[in-house]
Amino acid sequence: MEQWIERPAIGLEQRRPIDLLATAAQMCTQALERSENWLYEWNFVRDLKRRMRRKEQCRPGRFDLTRLDAIKTVRQFDEAYTAPYFGFRDAEDYYHRASAMRVIDRIAIPTLIITAEDDPFVPSQPFLDPKVTGNRHIELALCEHGGHCGFVGDASDDDDGYWAEGRIVDFVSRQSSVISLQSSVSSQQSLVISH
């Protein structure tokens, strides 16, 4: 007999901003706009512009590209394209409504969040919010180092050095064991009930 999972059994999150509108000093978009992050932002904006041009090729006339060349920041892009084309009032409305912090306390499945204190544009402070730390379903790995996606360690005979990936595999293995055990207990209970 096939069993269908009606909802995800586990959740994984690595280096995503959970609060796009944290305090003014820690907003991800502001962090991205800091001078030391100019290369990151330039690359993001370049890729966003490239995507818009491809979208326009696929759907001619659908997007107004007249402002595209003047855009220099992700916030400007979100104001000109993301917000109006996806039903948001403006970039601030988009950041507020897309923020996971608004609903993170409702997570009810085992979830692993991996982030770093030295991430150049995803501030770590929101991850210390009681909505995150107080949710028993969330396992938070807030590392001192790791940057935006450099969670690596020393390689050895039994470890390839990719720390985050190893942590994810361990988490999934632990959760699979729990799910398997729960399924086994449920099967045994239904056998007892049916006899």
Protein backbone atom coordinates (compact mmCIF):
# COMPACT_ATOMS: atom_id res chain seq x y z
CA MET A 1 0.00 0.00 0.00
CA GLU A 2 1.42 3.38 -1.04
CA GLN A 3 1.49 6.19 1.46
CA TRP A 4 1.42 9.81 0.34
CA ILE A 5 2.95 12.50 2.47
CA GLU A 6 0.36 15.27 2.77
CA ARG A 7 2.88 17.85 3.98
CA PRO A 8 6.66 18.11 4.02
CA ALA A 9 8.27 15.98 6.67
CA ILE A 10 11.25 18.29 7.24
CA GLY A 11 12.49 21.73 6.24
CA LEU A 12 15.99 22.93 5.38
CA GLU A 13 17.23 26.49 5.13
CA GLN A 14 20.72 27.68 4.43
CA ARG A 15 21.71 31.37 4.36
CA ARG A 16 18.40 32.98 3.46
CA PRO A 17 17.34 36.29 4.97
CA ILE A 18 14.46 35.53 7.30
CA ASP A 19 13.71 39.15 7.99
CA LEU A 20 14.14 41.32 4.93
CA LEU A 21 13.10 44.30 7.03
CA ALA A 22 15.00 43.79 10.26
CA THR A 23 16.12 46.91 12.08
CA ALA A 24 17.21 49.72 9.80
CA ALA A 25 20.89 49.02 10.46
CA GLN A 26 20.51 45.35 9.64
CA MET A 27 18.23 45.24 6.65
CA CYS A 28 19.55 42.76 4.12
CA THR A 29 19.13 45.21 1.32
CA GLN A 30 21.08 47.83 3.26
CA ALA A 31 23.77 45.30 4.08
CA LEU A 32 23.99 44.43 0.41
CA GLU A 33 24.30 48.13 -0.44
CA ARG A 34 27.32 48.66 1.86
CA SER A 35 30.42 49.69 -0.06
CA GLU A 36 32.33 46.52 0.85
CA ASN A 37 29.59 44.47 -0.84
CA TRP A 38 29.60 46.37 -4.14
CA LEU A 39 30.80 43.33 -6.09
CA TYR A 40 28.01 41.12 -4.72
CA GLU A 41 25.37 43.72 -5.51
CA TRP A 42 26.79 44.46 -8.96
CA ASN A 43 26.67 40.73 -9.76
CA PHE A 44 23.12 40.31 -8.43
CA VAL A 45 21.87 43.34 -10.35
CA ARG A 46 23.64 42.22 -13.52
CA ASP A 47 21.94 38.79 -13.25
CA LEU A 48 18.54 40.35 -12.50
CA LYS A 49 18.84 42.60 -15.56
CA ARG A 50 19.86 39.64 -17.70
CA ARG A 51 16.80 37.71 -16.52
CA MET A 52 14.49 40.61 -17.31
CA ARG A 53 15.90 40.87 -20.83
CA ARG A 54 15.35 37.11 -21.33
CA LYS A 55 11.80 37.42 -20.03
CA GLU A 56 11.16 40.25 -22.47
CA GLN A 57 12.43 38.08 -25.33
CA CYS A 58 10.04 35.31 -24.33
CA ARG A 59 7.09 37.66 -23.79
CA PRO A 60 7.62 40.78 -25.93
CA GLY A 61 5.85 43.88 -24.67
CA ARG A 62 5.03 42.40 -21.28
CA PHE A 63 7.79 44.22 -19.36
CA ASP A 64 8.80 47.87 -19.52
CA LEU A 65 12.58 47.80 -19.79
CA THR A 66 13.06 51.56 -20.14
CA ARG A 67 14.28 51.89 -16.52
CA LEU A 68 16.47 48.80 -16.56
CA ASP A 69 19.76 50.43 -17.56
CA ALA A 70 19.52 53.02 -14.75
CA ILE A 71 19.11 50.40 -12.01
CA LYS A 72 22.19 50.02 -9.81
CA THR A 73 20.85 48.30 -6.66
CA VAL A 74 18.68 45.33 -5.80
CA ARG A 75 16.31 47.70 -3.99
CA GLN A 76 15.90 49.77 -7.17
CA PHE A 77 15.21 46.58 -9.13
CA ASP A 78 12.65 45.43 -6.57
CA GLU A 79 10.97 48.84 -6.68
CA ALA A 80 10.83 48.91 -10.50
CA TYR A 81 10.10 45.25 -11.29
CA THR A 82 9.58 42.83 -8.42
CA ALA A 83 6.97 44.86 -6.56
CA PRO A 84 4.74 46.07 -9.41
CA TYR A 85 4.87 42.86 -11.46
CA PHE A 86 4.10 40.60 -8.52
CA GLY A 87 1.35 42.53 -6.78
CA PHE A 88 3.27 44.43 -4.12
CA ARG A 89 2.74 48.15 -3.42
CA ASP A 90 6.51 48.85 -3.45
CA ALA A 91 9.82 47.31 -2.42
CA GLU A 92 9.14 47.86 1.29
CA ASP A 93 5.79 46.05 0.99
CA TYR A 94 7.52 43.20 -0.84
CA TYR A 95 10.23 42.92 1.83
CA HIS A 96 7.64 42.90 4.60
CA ARG A 97 5.29 40.38 3.01
CA ALA A 98 8.11 38.08 1.82
CA SER A 99 9.75 37.99 5.24
CA ALA A 100 9.74 34.55 6.81
CA MET A 101 9.94 36.18 10.24
CA ARG A 102 6.23 36.95 10.02
CA VAL A 103 5.41 33.22 10.04
CA ILE A 104 8.51 31.48 11.38
CA ASP A 105 6.88 30.83 14.74
CA ARG A 106 4.30 28.69 12.89
CA ILE A 107 6.85 26.19 11.59
CA ALA A 108 5.63 22.84 12.87
CA ILE A 109 7.99 20.40 11.17
CA PRO A 110 11.65 19.73 12.00
CA THR A 111 13.64 22.47 10.27
CA LEU A 112 17.37 23.11 10.07
CA ILE A 113 18.61 26.67 9.55
CA ILE A 114 22.30 27.20 8.78
CA THR A 115 23.70 30.73 8.76
CA ALA A 116 26.83 32.62 9.78
CA GLU A 117 27.56 35.67 11.89
CA ASP A 118 30.02 36.90 9.27
CA ASP A 119 27.63 36.70 6.32
CA PRO A 120 28.27 39.94 4.44
CA PHE A 121 24.63 40.66 3.61
CA VAL A 122 22.35 38.38 5.62
CA PRO A 123 22.48 39.78 9.16
CA SER A 124 22.57 37.13 11.88
CA GLN A 125 20.63 39.12 14.48
CA PRO A 126 17.13 38.13 13.26
CA PHE A 127 18.03 34.46 13.75
CA LEU A 128 18.38 35.16 17.49
CA ASP A 129 14.78 36.34 17.72
CA PRO A 130 12.70 34.29 20.21
CA LYS A 131 10.38 33.34 17.32
CA VAL A 132 13.31 31.33 15.96
CA THR A 133 15.13 30.25 19.12
CA GLY A 134 11.88 29.47 20.95
CA ASN A 135 10.45 27.24 18.23
CA ARG A 136 11.16 23.64 19.25
CA HIS A 137 10.89 22.52 15.62
CA ILE A 138 13.81 24.70 14.49
CA GLU A 139 17.41 23.59 14.84
CA LEU A 140 19.57 26.68 14.36
CA ALA A 141 23.22 26.37 13.37
CA LEU A 142 24.50 29.94 13.77
CA CYS A 143 28.19 29.71 12.99
CA GLU A 144 30.82 32.31 13.78
CA HIS A 145 32.31 31.87 10.31
CA GLY A 146 30.95 30.71 7.00
CA GLY A 147 30.27 33.92 5.16
CA HIS A 148 27.37 33.73 2.77
CA CYS A 149 27.95 30.15 1.64
CA GLY A 150 31.45 29.07 2.62
CA PHE A 151 30.72 26.53 5.32
CA VAL A 152 33.79 24.39 4.76
CA GLY A 153 36.21 22.67 7.04
CA ASP A 154 39.32 20.59 6.76
CA ALA A 155 38.99 17.55 4.54
CA SER A 156 40.04 14.18 5.89
CA ASP A 157 39.74 10.52 4.91
CA ASP A 158 36.14 10.35 6.09
CA ASP A 159 35.10 14.01 5.61
CA ASP A 160 35.20 15.95 2.35
CA GLY A 161 35.32 19.26 4.20
CA TYR A 162 31.90 20.49 3.09
CA TRP A 163 30.58 21.16 6.58
CA ALA A 164 27.11 22.47 5.73
CA GLU A 165 26.34 19.64 3.35
CA GLY A 166 27.45 17.13 6.00
CA ARG A 167 25.26 18.83 8.58
CA ILE A 168 22.28 18.66 6.21
CA VAL A 169 22.84 14.96 5.54
CA ASP A 170 23.08 14.29 9.30
CA PHE A 171 19.88 16.26 9.92
CA VAL A 172 17.97 14.44 7.17
CA SER A 173 19.25 11.09 8.45
CA ARG A 174 18.13 11.87 11.99
CA GLN A 175 14.73 13.02 10.80
CA SER A 176 14.34 10.00 8.52
CA SER A 177 14.97 7.74 11.51
CA VAL A 178 12.32 9.59 13.52
CA ILE A 179 9.81 9.44 10.65
CA SER A 180 10.55 5.75 10.11
CA LEU A 181 10.08 5.07 13.83
CA GLN A 182 6.81 7.03 13.90
CA SER A 183 5.57 5.13 10.85
CA SER A 184 6.49 1.82 12.48
CA VAL A 185 4.67 2.75 15.69
CA SER A 186 1.58 3.86 13.70
CA SER A 187 1.57 0.56 11.79
CA GLN A 188 1.82 -1.42 15.02
CA GLN A 189 -0.98 0.61 16.59
CA SER A 190 -3.26 0.00 13.60
CA LEU A 191 -2.54 -3.74 13.81
CA VAL A 192 -3.50 -3.75 17.48
CA ILE A 193 -6.69 -1.79 16.76
CA SER A 194 -7.75 -4.07 13.90
CA HIS A 195 -7.37 -7.30 15.89
